[in-house]
PDB file of N, CA and C in Angstrom:
ATOM      1  N   MET A   1      65.359  29.137  28.773  1.00  0.00           N
ATOM      2  CA  MET A   1      64.890  29.135  27.442  1.00  0.00           C
ATOM      3  C   MET A   1      63.505  29.316  27.283  1.00  0.00           C
ATOM      4  N   SER A   2      63.274  30.205  26.199  1.00  0.00           N
ATOM      5  CA  SER A   2      62.113  30.813  25.892  1.00  0.00           C
ATOM      6  C   SER A   2      61.165  29.896  25.101  1.00  0.00           C
ATOM      7  N   TYR A   3      59.945  30.224  24.714  1.00  0.00           N
ATOM      8  CA  TYR A   3      59.070  29.307  23.947  1.00  0.00           C
ATOM      9  C   TYR A   3      58.350  30.256  22.960  1.00  0.00           C
ATOM     10  N   SER A   4      58.019  29.701  21.784  1.00  0.00           N
ATOM     11  CA  SER A   4      57.186  30.248  20.705  1.00  0.00           C
ATOM     12  C   SER A   4      55.906  30.606  21.272  1.00  0.00           C
ATOM     13  N   GLU A   5      55.544  31.798  21.347  1.00  0.00           N
ATOM     14  CA  GLU A   5      54.357  32.254  21.798  1.00  0.00           C
ATOM     15  C   GLU A   5      53.165  32.057  20.660  1.00  0.00           C
ATOM     16  N   GLU A   6      53.662  32.184  19.382  1.00  0.00           N
ATOM     17  CA  GLU A   6      52.758  31.818  18.127  1.00  0.00           C
ATOM     18  C   GLU A   6      52.395  30.249  18.385  1.00  0.00           C
ATOM     19  N   LEU A   7      53.250  29.567  18.573  1.00  0.00           N
ATOM     20  CA  LEU A   7      52.937  27.864  18.508  1.00  0.00           C
ATOM     21  C   LEU A   7      51.884  27.883  19.920  1.00  0.00           C
ATOM     22  N   ALA A   8      52.255  28.388  20.850  1.00  0.00           N
ATOM     23  CA  ALA A   8      51.521  28.454  22.276  1.00  0.00           C
ATOM     24  C   ALA A   8      50.147  28.844  21.799  1.00  0.00           C
ATOM     25  N   GLN A   9      49.864  29.846  21.160  1.00  0.00           N
ATOM     26  CA  GLN A   9      48.559  30.322  20.830  1.00  0.00           C
ATOM     27  C   GLN A   9      47.907  29.328  20.044  1.00  0.00           C
ATOM     28  N   LYS A  10      48.449  28.754  18.902  1.00  0.00           N
ATOM     29  CA  LYS A  10      47.922  27.722  18.262  1.00  0.00           C
ATOM     30  C   LYS A  10      47.485  26.500  19.042  1.00  0.00           C
ATOM     31  N   VAL A  11      48.212  26.161  20.004  1.00  0.00           N
ATOM     32  CA  VAL A  11      47.792  24.994  21.034  1.00  0.00           C
ATOM     33  C   VAL A  11      46.772  25.407  21.758  1.00  0.00           C
ATOM     34  N   ARG A  12      46.689  26.702  22.331  1.00  0.00           N
ATOM     35  CA  ARG A  12      45.388  27.262  23.159  1.00  0.00           C
ATOM     36  C   ARG A  12      44.202  27.212  22.222  1.00  0.00           C
ATOM     37  N   GLY A  13      44.334  27.470  20.940  1.00  0.00           N
ATOM     38  CA  GLY A  13      43.047  27.425  20.245  1.00  0.00           C
ATOM     39  C   GLY A  13      42.517  26.083  19.970  1.00  0.00           C
ATOM     40  N   LEU A  14      43.456  25.011  19.907  1.00  0.00           N
ATOM     41  CA  LEU A  14      43.000  23.754  19.860  1.00  0.00           C
ATOM     42  C   LEU A  14      42.312  23.228  21.032  1.00  0.00           C
ATOM     43  N   LEU A  15      42.783  23.480  22.300  1.00  0.00           N
ATOM     44  CA  LEU A  15      42.446  23.280  23.541  1.00  0.00           C
ATOM     45  C   LEU A  15      41.263  24.074  24.195  1.00  0.00           C
ATOM     46  N   GLN A  16      40.932  25.185  23.606  1.00  0.00           N
ATOM     47  CA  GLN A  16      40.070  26.212  24.383  1.00  0.00           C
ATOM     48  C   GLN A  16      38.686  25.279  24.779  1.00  0.00           C
ATOM     49  N   PRO A  17      38.259  24.505  24.126  1.00  0.00           N
ATOM     50  CA  PRO A  17      36.905  23.894  24.761  1.00  0.00           C
ATOM     51  C   PRO A  17      37.033  22.869  25.877  1.00  0.00           C
ATOM     52  N   LYS A  18      38.295  22.626  26.423  1.00  0.00           N
ATOM     53  CA  LYS A  18      38.591  21.493  27.252  1.00  0.00           C
ATOM     54  C   LYS A  18      38.350  22.096  28.744  1.00  0.00           C
ATOM     55  N   ASP A  19      37.533  21.366  29.327  1.00  0.00           N
ATOM     56  CA  ASP A  19      37.336  21.783  30.850  1.00  0.00           C
ATOM     57  C   ASP A  19      38.658  21.142  31.518  1.00  0.00           C
ATOM     58  N   GLY A  20      38.992  21.794  32.526  1.00  0.00           N
ATOM     59  CA  GLY A  20      40.155  21.334  33.418  1.00  0.00           C
ATOM     60  C   GLY A  20      41.569  21.702  32.850  1.00  0.00           C
ATOM     61  N   LEU A  21      41.570  22.451  31.924  1.00  0.00           N
ATOM     62  CA  LEU A  21      42.880  23.043  31.032  1.00  0.00           C
ATOM     63  C   LEU A  21      43.596  24.184  31.983  1.00  0.00           C
ATOM     64  N   THR A  22      44.968  23.845  32.212  1.00  0.00           N
ATOM     65  CA  THR A  22      45.648  25.073  32.929  1.00  0.00           C
ATOM     66  C   THR A  22      46.783  25.098  32.149  1.00  0.00           C
ATOM     67  N   GLU A  23      47.512  26.066  32.457  1.00  0.00           N
ATOM     68  CA  GLU A  23      48.840  26.303  31.777  1.00  0.00           C
ATOM     69  C   GLU A  23      50.029  26.433  32.855  1.00  0.00           C
ATOM     70  N   LYS A  24      51.201  26.022  32.650  1.00  0.00           N
ATOM     71  CA  LYS A  24      52.237  26.049  33.704  1.00  0.00           C
ATOM     72  C   LYS A  24      53.469  26.026  33.118  1.00  0.00           C
ATOM     73  N   GLN A  25      54.468  27.181  33.591  1.00  0.00           N
ATOM     74  CA  GLN A  25      55.729  27.089  33.184  1.00  0.00           C
ATOM     75  C   GLN A  25      56.464  26.013  33.797  1.00  0.00           C
ATOM     76  N   MET A  26      57.065  25.071  32.766  1.00  0.00           N
ATOM     77  CA  MET A  26      57.874  24.029  33.142  1.00  0.00           C
ATOM     78  C   MET A  26      58.900  23.522  32.172  1.00  0.00           C
ATOM     79  N   PHE A  27      60.039  22.834  32.456  1.00  0.00           N
ATOM     80  CA  PHE A  27      60.937  22.541  31.231  1.00  0.00           C
ATOM     81  C   PHE A  27      61.426  23.735  30.469  1.00  0.00           C
ATOM     82  N   GLY A  28      61.527  24.752  31.070  1.00  0.00           N
ATOM     83  CA  GLY A  28      61.883  25.917  30.268  1.00  0.00           C
ATOM     84  C   GLY A  28      60.987  26.572  29.272  1.00  0.00           C
ATOM     85  N   GLY A  29      59.775  26.046  29.166  1.00  0.00           N
ATOM     86  CA  GLY A  29      58.903  26.340  28.310  1.00  0.00           C
ATOM     87  C   GLY A  29      57.305  26.475  28.997  1.00  0.00           C
ATOM     88  N   LEU A  30      56.414  26.195  28.116  1.00  0.00           N
ATOM     89  CA  LEU A  30      54.953  26.257  28.754  1.00  0.00           C
ATOM     90  C   LEU A  30      54.355  24.903  28.571  1.00  0.00           C
ATOM     91  N   ALA A  31      53.717  24.529  29.749  1.00  0.00           N
ATOM     92  CA  ALA A  31      53.115  23.040  29.582  1.00  0.00           C
ATOM     93  C   ALA A  31      51.553  23.425  29.706  1.00  0.00           C
ATOM     94  N   PHE A  32      50.720  22.527  29.137  1.00  0.00           N
ATOM     95  CA  PHE A  32      49.329  22.474  29.170  1.00  0.00           C
ATOM     96  C   PHE A  32      48.950  21.338  29.773  1.00  0.00           C
ATOM     97  N   MET A  33      48.357  21.545  30.909  1.00  0.00           N
ATOM     98  CA  MET A  33      47.830  20.422  31.859  1.00  0.00           C
ATOM     99  C   MET A  33      46.252  20.283  31.771  1.00  0.00           C
ATOM    100  N   LEU A  34      46.107  19.021  31.743  1.00  0.00           N
ATOM    101  CA  LEU A  34      44.660  18.632  31.866  1.00  0.00           C
ATOM    102  C   LEU A  34      44.214  17.894  33.031  1.00  0.00           C
ATOM    103  N   ASN A  35      43.558  18.619  34.024  1.00  0.00           N
ATOM    104  CA  ASN A  35      43.247  17.954  35.230  1.00  0.00           C
ATOM    105  C   ASN A  35      44.464  17.738  36.006  1.00  0.00           C
ATOM    106  N   GLY A  36      45.465  18.477  35.955  1.00  0.00           N
ATOM    107  CA  GLY A  36      46.650  18.455  36.527  1.00  0.00           C
ATOM    108  C   GLY A  36      47.637  17.554  36.078  1.00  0.00           C
ATOM    109  N   ASN A  37      47.401  16.953  34.842  1.00  0.00           N
ATOM    110  CA  ASN A  37      48.283  15.990  34.230  1.00  0.00           C
ATOM    111  C   ASN A  37      48.822  16.754  33.026  1.00  0.00           C
ATOM    112  N   MET A  38      50.081  16.589  32.798  1.00  0.00           N
ATOM    113  CA  MET A  38      50.568  17.292  31.476  1.00  0.00           C
ATOM    114  C   MET A  38      50.282  16.537  30.312  1.00  0.00           C
ATOM    115  N   ALA A  39      49.641  17.317  29.456  1.00  0.00           N
ATOM    116  CA  ALA A  39      49.277  16.669  28.011  1.00  0.00           C
ATOM    117  C   ALA A  39      50.250  16.942  27.053  1.00  0.00           C
ATOM    118  N   CYS A  40      50.629  18.234  26.943  1.00  0.00           N
ATOM    119  CA  CYS A  40      51.671  18.884  25.931  1.00  0.00           C
ATOM    120  C   CYS A  40      52.151  20.332  26.187  1.00  0.00           C
ATOM    121  N   GLY A  41      53.087  20.609  25.463  1.00  0.00           N
ATOM    122  CA  GLY A  41      53.712  21.819  25.892  1.00  0.00           C
ATOM    123  C   GLY A  41      54.548  22.425  24.800  1.00  0.00           C
ATOM    124  N   VAL A  42      55.189  23.611  24.656  1.00  0.00           N
ATOM    125  CA  VAL A  42      56.008  24.181  23.997  1.00  0.00           C
ATOM    126  C   VAL A  42      57.134  24.628  24.534  1.00  0.00           C
ATOM    127  N   VAL A  43      58.394  24.282  24.009  1.00  0.00           N
ATOM    128  CA  VAL A  43      59.719  24.614  24.256  1.00  0.00           C
ATOM    129  C   VAL A  43      60.400  24.908  23.178  1.00  0.00           C
ATOM    130  N   GLY A  44      60.925  26.008  23.258  1.00  0.00           N
ATOM    131  CA  GLY A  44      61.451  26.893  22.079  1.00  0.00           C
ATOM    132  C   GLY A  44      60.492  26.789  20.877  1.00  0.00           C
ATOM    133  N   GLU A  45      60.825  26.278  19.751  1.00  0.00           N
ATOM    134  CA  GLU A  45      60.020  26.148  18.570  1.00  0.00           C
ATOM    135  C   GLU A  45      59.441  24.768  18.307  1.00  0.00           C
ATOM    136  N   GLU A  46      59.417  23.857  19.378  1.00  0.00           N
ATOM    137  CA  GLU A  46      59.283  22.612  19.299  1.00  0.00           C
ATOM    138  C   GLU A  46      58.012  22.472  20.421  1.00  0.00           C
ATOM    139  N   LEU A  47      57.078  21.347  19.960  1.00  0.00           N
ATOM    140  CA  LEU A  47      55.955  20.917  20.713  1.00  0.00           C
ATOM    141  C   LEU A  47      56.753  19.649  21.558  1.00  0.00           C
ATOM    142  N   MET A  48      56.273  19.558  22.895  1.00  0.00           N
ATOM    143  CA  MET A  48      56.685  18.359  23.700  1.00  0.00           C
ATOM    144  C   MET A  48      55.246  17.737  23.863  1.00  0.00           C
ATOM    145  N   VAL A  49      55.077  16.413  23.825  1.00  0.00           N
ATOM    146  CA  VAL A  49      53.939  15.688  23.762  1.00  0.00           C
ATOM    147  C   VAL A  49      53.974  14.323  24.652  1.00  0.00           C
ATOM    148  N   ARG A  50      52.998  14.319  25.698  1.00  0.00           N
ATOM    149  CA  ARG A  50      53.012  13.289  26.600  1.00  0.00           C
ATOM    150  C   ARG A  50      51.993  12.106  25.886  1.00  0.00           C
ATOM    151  N   VAL A  51      52.895  11.216  25.419  1.00  0.00           N
ATOM    152  CA  VAL A  51      52.114  10.013  24.532  1.00  0.00           C
ATOM    153  C   VAL A  51      51.979   8.860  25.313  1.00  0.00           C
ATOM    154  N   GLY A  52      52.792   8.633  26.474  1.00  0.00           N
ATOM    155  CA  GLY A  52      52.732   7.550  27.430  1.00  0.00           C
ATOM    156  C   GLY A  52      53.688   6.412  27.142  1.00  0.00           C
ATOM    157  N   PRO A  53      54.003   5.635  28.256  1.00  0.00           N
ATOM    158  CA  PRO A  53      54.997   4.568  27.861  1.00  0.00           C
ATOM    159  C   PRO A  53      54.534   3.483  26.745  1.00  0.00           C
ATOM    160  N   GLU A  54      53.357   3.292  26.607  1.00  0.00           N
ATOM    161  CA  GLU A  54      52.718   2.305  25.782  1.00  0.00           C
ATOM    162  C   GLU A  54      52.972   2.760  24.211  1.00  0.00           C
ATOM    163  N   ASN A  55      52.856   4.217  24.055  1.00  0.00           N
ATOM    164  CA  ASN A  55      52.685   4.621  22.595  1.00  0.00           C
ATOM    165  C   ASN A  55      54.261   5.532  22.323  1.00  0.00           C
ATOM    166  N   TYR A  56      55.102   5.155  23.275  1.00  0.00           N
ATOM    167  CA  TYR A  56      56.531   5.775  23.099  1.00  0.00           C
ATOM    168  C   TYR A  56      57.343   5.617  21.874  1.00  0.00           C
ATOM    169  N   GLN A  57      57.431   4.003  21.805  1.00  0.00           N
ATOM    170  CA  GLN A  57      58.352   3.564  20.636  1.00  0.00           C
ATOM    171  C   GLN A  57      57.558   3.936  19.313  1.00  0.00           C
ATOM    172  N   GLU A  58      56.330   3.814  19.256  1.00  0.00           N
ATOM    173  CA  GLU A  58      55.505   4.087  17.993  1.00  0.00           C
ATOM    174  C   GLU A  58      55.659   5.770  17.640  1.00  0.00           C
ATOM    175  N   ALA A  59      55.455   6.417  18.758  1.00  0.00           N
ATOM    176  CA  ALA A  59      55.822   7.993  18.324  1.00  0.00           C
ATOM    177  C   ALA A  59      57.173   8.114  17.910  1.00  0.00           C
ATOM    178  N   LEU A  60      58.306   7.565  18.548  1.00  0.00           N
ATOM    179  CA  LEU A  60      59.526   7.936  17.976  1.00  0.00           C
ATOM    180  C   LEU A  60      59.875   7.435  16.529  1.00  0.00           C
ATOM    181  N   GLY A  61      58.936   6.384  16.259  1.00  0.00           N
ATOM    182  CA  GLY A  61      59.194   6.017  14.821  1.00  0.00           C
ATOM    183  C   GLY A  61      58.625   6.953  13.789  1.00  0.00           C
ATOM    184  N   GLU A  62      57.993   7.810  14.117  1.00  0.00           N
ATOM    185  CA  GLU A  62      57.487   9.057  13.317  1.00  0.00           C
ATOM    186  C   GLU A  62      58.433  10.054  12.890  1.00  0.00           C
ATOM    187  N   ARG A  63      58.232  10.464  11.690  1.00  0.00           N
ATOM    188  CA  ARG A  63      59.396  11.570  11.252  1.00  0.00           C
ATOM    189  C   ARG A  63      59.153  12.622  12.321  1.00  0.00           C
ATOM    190  N   TYR A  64      60.360  13.439  12.425  1.00  0.00           N
ATOM    191  CA  TYR A  64      60.560  14.695  13.027  1.00  0.00           C
ATOM    192  C   TYR A  64      60.176  14.628  14.486  1.00  0.00           C
ATOM    193  N   THR A  65      60.271  13.461  15.185  1.00  0.00           N
ATOM    194  CA  THR A  65      60.165  13.220  16.597  1.00  0.00           C
ATOM    195  C   THR A  65      61.593  12.616  17.271  1.00  0.00           C
ATOM    196  N   ARG A  66      61.634  12.905  18.515  1.00  0.00           N
ATOM    197  CA  ARG A  66      62.867  12.334  19.311  1.00  0.00           C
ATOM    198  C   ARG A  66      62.511  12.543  20.563  1.00  0.00           C
ATOM    199  N   PRO A  67      63.419  11.498  21.213  1.00  0.00           N
ATOM    200  CA  PRO A  67      63.104  11.596  22.806  1.00  0.00           C
ATOM    201  C   PRO A  67      63.204  12.883  23.570  1.00  0.00           C
ATOM    202  N   MET A  68      62.373  12.998  24.461  1.00  0.00           N
ATOM    203  CA  MET A  68      62.572  14.312  25.226  1.00  0.00           C
ATOM    204  C   MET A  68      63.471  13.958  26.396  1.00  0.00           C
ATOM    205  N   ASP A  69      64.632  14.775  26.279  1.00  0.00           N
ATOM    206  CA  ASP A  69      65.718  14.547  26.972  1.00  0.00           C
ATOM    207  C   ASP A  69      66.125  15.832  27.765  1.00  0.00           C
ATOM    208  N   PHE A  70      65.260  16.520  28.301  1.00  0.00           N
ATOM    209  CA  PHE A  70      65.475  17.708  28.981  1.00  0.00           C
ATOM    210  C   PHE A  70      66.448  17.554  30.114  1.00  0.00           C
ATOM    211  N   THR A  71      66.407  16.398  30.864  1.00  0.00           N
ATOM    212  CA  THR A  71      67.369  16.275  31.848  1.00  0.00           C
ATOM    213  C   THR A  71      68.871  15.570  31.477  1.00  0.00           C
ATOM    214  N   GLY A  72      68.939  15.306  30.269  1.00  0.00           N
ATOM    215  CA  GLY A  72      70.113  14.596  29.646  1.00  0.00           C
ATOM    216  C   GLY A  72      69.678  13.146  29.550  1.00  0.00           C
ATOM    217  N   ARG A  73      68.755  12.738  30.217  1.00  0.00           N
ATOM    218  CA  ARG A  73      68.019  11.183  30.069  1.00  0.00           C
ATOM    219  C   ARG A  73      66.877  11.300  29.574  1.00  0.00           C
ATOM    220  N   PRO A  74      66.508  10.458  28.485  1.00  0.00           N
ATOM    221  CA  PRO A  74      65.114  10.565  27.952  1.00  0.00           C
ATOM    222  C   PRO A  74      64.005  10.339  28.984  1.00  0.00           C
ATOM    223  N   LEU A  75      62.986  10.943  28.674  1.00  0.00           N
ATOM    224  CA  LEU A  75      61.800  10.858  29.630  1.00  0.00           C
ATOM    225  C   LEU A  75      60.818   9.803  28.979  1.00  0.00           C
ATOM    226  N   LYS A  76      60.469   8.601  29.342  1.00  0.00           N
ATOM    227  CA  LYS A  76      59.986   7.613  28.717  1.00  0.00           C
ATOM    228  C   LYS A  76      58.437   8.270  28.772  1.00  0.00           C
ATOM    229  N   GLY A  77      57.857   8.120  27.467  1.00  0.00           N
ATOM    230  CA  GLY A  77      56.409   8.435  27.421  1.00  0.00           C
ATOM    231  C   GLY A  77      56.274   9.972  26.948  1.00  0.00           C
ATOM    232  N   MET A  78      57.403  10.631  26.695  1.00  0.00           N
ATOM    233  CA  MET A  78      57.501  12.116  26.221  1.00  0.00           C
ATOM    234  C   MET A  78      58.336  12.330  25.050  1.00  0.00           C
ATOM    235  N   VAL A  79      57.717  12.906  23.975  1.00  0.00           N
ATOM    236  CA  VAL A  79      58.775  13.133  22.885  1.00  0.00           C
ATOM    237  C   VAL A  79      58.573  14.671  22.411  1.00  0.00           C
ATOM    238  N   TYR A  80      59.557  15.099  21.925  1.00  0.00           N
ATOM    239  CA  TYR A  80      59.698  16.362  21.206  1.00  0.00           C
ATOM    240  C   TYR A  80      59.228  16.196  19.699  1.00  0.00           C
ATOM    241  N   VAL A  81      58.511  17.121  19.255  1.00  0.00           N
ATOM    242  CA  VAL A  81      58.086  17.040  17.901  1.00  0.00           C
ATOM    243  C   VAL A  81      58.515  18.150  17.250  1.00  0.00           C
ATOM    244  N   GLU A  82      59.150  18.237  16.120  1.00  0.00           N
ATOM    245  CA  GLU A  82      59.761  19.255  15.492  1.00  0.00           C
ATOM    246  C   GLU A  82      59.034  19.974  14.661  1.00  0.00           C
ATOM    247  N   GLU A  83      59.323  21.178  14.259  1.00  0.00           N
ATOM    248  CA  GLU A  83      58.459  22.095  13.525  1.00  0.00           C
ATOM    249  C   GLU A  83      57.698  21.634  12.108  1.00  0.00           C
ATOM    250  N   ASP A  84      58.514  20.659  11.305  1.00  0.00           N
ATOM    251  CA  ASP A  84      57.940  20.104  10.166  1.00  0.00           C
ATOM    252  C   ASP A  84      56.613  19.294  10.578  1.00  0.00           C
ATOM    253  N   ALA A  85      56.722  18.497  11.661  1.00  0.00           N
ATOM    254  CA  ALA A  85      55.589  17.545  12.035  1.00  0.00           C
ATOM    255  C   ALA A  85      54.407  18.509  12.597  1.00  0.00           C
ATOM    256  N   ILE A  86      54.901  19.542  13.207  1.00  0.00           N
ATOM    257  CA  ILE A  86      53.837  20.437  13.744  1.00  0.00           C
ATOM    258  C   ILE A  86      53.076  21.034  12.541  1.00  0.00           C
ATOM    259  N   ALA A  87      53.693  21.509  11.634  1.00  0.00           N
ATOM    260  CA  ALA A  87      53.121  22.001  10.301  1.00  0.00           C
ATOM    261  C   ALA A  87      52.085  21.044   9.753  1.00  0.00           C
ATOM    262  N   GLU A  88      52.523  19.840   9.697  1.00  0.00           N
ATOM    263  CA  GLU A  88      51.826  18.781   8.997  1.00  0.00           C
ATOM    264  C   GLU A  88      50.570  18.249   9.841  1.00  0.00           C
ATOM    265  N   ASP A  89      50.759  18.285  11.262  1.00  0.00           N
ATOM    266  CA  ASP A  89      49.636  17.722  12.026  1.00  0.00           C
ATOM    267  C   ASP A  89      49.557  18.160  13.498  1.00  0.00           C
ATOM    268  N   LEU A  90      49.676  19.392  13.578  1.00  0.00           N
ATOM    269  CA  LEU A  90      49.524  19.895  15.084  1.00  0.00           C
ATOM    270  C   LEU A  90      48.337  19.344  15.791  1.00  0.00           C
ATOM    271  N   ASP A  91      47.264  19.449  15.217  1.00  0.00           N
ATOM    272  CA  ASP A  91      46.078  18.840  15.836  1.00  0.00           C
ATOM    273  C   ASP A  91      45.990  17.547  16.344  1.00  0.00           C
ATOM    274  N   GLY A  92      46.689  16.610  15.718  1.00  0.00           N
ATOM    275  CA  GLY A  92      46.853  15.192  15.915  1.00  0.00           C
ATOM    276  C   GLY A  92      47.843  15.015  17.074  1.00  0.00           C
ATOM    277  N   TRP A  93      48.946  15.864  17.120  1.00  0.00           N
ATOM    278  CA  TRP A  93      49.840  15.678  18.092  1.00  0.00           C
ATOM    279  C   TRP A  93      49.140  16.135  19.464  1.00  0.00           C
ATOM    280  N   VAL A  94      48.432  17.250  19.452  1.00  0.00           N
ATOM    281  CA  VAL A  94      47.761  17.722  20.594  1.00  0.00           C
ATOM    282  C   VAL A  94      46.745  16.817  21.189  1.00  0.00           C
ATOM    283  N   THR A  95      46.173  16.186  20.313  1.00  0.00           N
ATOM    284  CA  THR A  95      45.051  15.356  20.616  1.00  0.00           C
ATOM    285  C   THR A  95      45.684  13.972  21.212  1.00  0.00           C
ATOM    286  N   ARG A  96      46.817  13.616  20.663  1.00  0.00           N
ATOM    287  CA  ARG A  96      47.633  12.369  21.443  1.00  0.00           C
ATOM    288  C   ARG A  96      47.748  12.818  22.737  1.00  0.00           C
ATOM    289  N   GLY A  97      48.317  13.996  23.101  1.00  0.00           N
ATOM    290  CA  GLY A  97      48.694  14.306  24.478  1.00  0.00           C
ATOM    291  C   GLY A  97      47.341  14.409  25.288  1.00  0.00           C
ATOM    292  N   VAL A  98      46.334  15.091  24.800  1.00  0.00           N
ATOM    293  CA  VAL A  98      45.177  15.063  25.621  1.00  0.00           C
ATOM    294  C   VAL A  98      44.598  13.948  25.992  1.00  0.00           C
ATOM    295  N   GLU A  99      44.566  13.011  24.979  1.00  0.00           N
ATOM    296  CA  GLU A  99      43.978  11.592  25.079  1.00  0.00           C
ATOM    297  C   GLU A  99      44.775  10.928  26.238  1.00  0.00           C
ATOM    298  N   PHE A 100      46.040  10.889  26.326  1.00  0.00           N
ATOM    299  CA  PHE A 100      46.768  10.413  27.070  1.00  0.00           C
ATOM    300  C   PHE A 100      46.682  10.905  28.507  1.00  0.00           C
ATOM    301  N   ALA A 101      46.792  12.240  28.619  1.00  0.00           N
ATOM    302  CA  ALA A 101      46.504  12.977  29.916  1.00  0.00           C
ATOM    303  C   ALA A 101      45.095  12.880  30.632  1.00  0.00           C
ATOM    304  N   GLY A 102      43.993  12.600  29.609  1.00  0.00           N
ATOM    305  CA  GLY A 102      42.598  12.481  30.053  1.00  0.00           C
ATOM    306  C   GLY A 102      42.427  11.023  30.550  1.00  0.00           C
ATOM    307  N   SER A 103      43.343   9.991  30.212  1.00  0.00           N
ATOM    308  CA  SER A 103      43.199   8.590  30.826  1.00  0.00           C
ATOM    309  C   SER A 103      43.775   8.624  32.186  1.00  0.00           C
ATOM    310  N   LEU A 104      44.288   9.616  32.624  1.00  0.00           N
ATOM    311  CA  LEU A 104      45.009   9.346  34.010  1.00  0.00           C
ATOM    312  C   LEU A 104      44.136  10.055  35.105  1.00  0.00           C
ATOM    313  N   PRO A 105      44.031   9.578  36.234  1.00  0.00           N
ATOM    314  CA  PRO A 105      43.229  10.168  37.299  1.00  0.00           C
ATOM    315  C   PRO A 105      43.582  11.627  37.444  1.00  0.00           C
ATOM    316  N   PRO A 106      42.569  12.460  37.762  1.00  0.00           N
ATOM    317  CA  PRO A 106      42.968  13.944  38.186  1.00  0.00           C
ATOM    318  C   PRO A 106      43.866  14.035  39.407  1.00  0.00           C
ATOM    319  N   LYS A 107      44.717  14.990  39.215  1.00  0.00           N
ATOM    320  CA  LYS A 107      45.601  15.313  40.326  1.00  0.00           C
ATOM    321  C   LYS A 107      44.985  16.404  41.192  1.00  0.00           C
TER     322      LYS A 107
END
């Protein structure tokens, strides 16, 4: 599966000032890692965001989100964010992922 380079560029623009940021091909898309921990990524035209187990149900309660079920089973703490939500608040979703990844010890 490919990913939207346009969306990846927008995410890069939001993450540019972050130290410890790397990119890695995973889940058939592109993941953005902060100190070795995945924060968010792009799969197809959607954003995947690591919100963490504590924020998972709250994130799923928001419009245009669904469980990240890449393997056929939902990955707790990870959500897909559809294009409509990305258009409304890309910065907010990327920030959520960065905040969670930043709360984890570096790998």
